[in-house]
Amino acid sequence: MNLTSFGRTAAMDKDFGTLITALHGRPTQLPKLPKRHGR
C-alpha cells in the first residue's frame, strides 16, 4: 500500500485506519468481525 500517493482508494484508507487502530488504539475501537459458523 503506497501511503504517500493520492491514488489510494476508499478501501485502502479504511484498511490503513484499521491497521493504525490495531497498532496504537484500543481493541474496542476495531470493527466487529462477523462470526464464523461451523467452527
Protein backbone atom coordinates (compact mmCIF):
# COMPACT_ATOMS: atom_id res chain seq x y z
CA MET A 1 0.00 0.00 0.00
CA ASN A 2 1.56 3.29 -1.08
CA LEU A 3 0.53 5.73 1.66
CA THR A 4 2.32 8.69 0.09
CA SER A 5 0.19 8.59 -3.04
CA PHE A 6 -3.05 10.37 -3.83
CA GLY A 7 -4.11 7.31 -5.85
CA ARG A 8 -5.49 5.47 -2.81
CA THR A 9 -9.00 4.04 -2.82
CA ALA A 10 -11.54 4.39 -0.01
CA ALA A 11 -10.99 0.72 0.85
CA MET A 12 -7.25 1.30 1.19
CA ASP A 13 -7.88 4.26 3.51
CA LYS A 14 -10.22 2.13 5.63
CA ASP A 15 -7.66 -0.69 5.81
CA PHE A 16 -4.98 1.79 6.84
CA GLY A 17 -7.23 3.18 9.58
CA THR A 18 -7.84 -0.33 10.87
CA LEU A 19 -4.11 -1.03 10.87
CA ILE A 20 -3.30 2.14 12.81
CA THR A 21 -6.05 1.36 15.34
CA ALA A 22 -4.71 -2.19 15.76
CA LEU A 23 -1.19 -0.90 16.35
CA HIS A 24 -1.91 2.13 18.52
CA GLY A 25 -5.56 2.10 19.59
CA ARG A 26 -7.68 0.12 21.97
CA PRO A 27 -9.11 -3.25 20.84
CA THR A 28 -12.63 -1.94 21.47
CA GLN A 29 -12.12 0.52 18.59
CA LEU A 30 -11.66 -2.23 15.99
CA PRO A 31 -14.60 -3.11 13.76
CA LYS A 32 -16.50 -6.23 14.76
CA LEU A 33 -15.80 -9.23 12.55
CA PRO A 34 -18.71 -11.48 11.57
CA LYS A 35 -18.89 -14.72 13.50
CA ARG A 36 -17.81 -17.80 11.58
CA HIS A 37 -20.24 -20.67 11.87
CA GLY A 38 -19.15 -24.27 11.67
CA ARG A 39 -16.01 -23.95 13.76
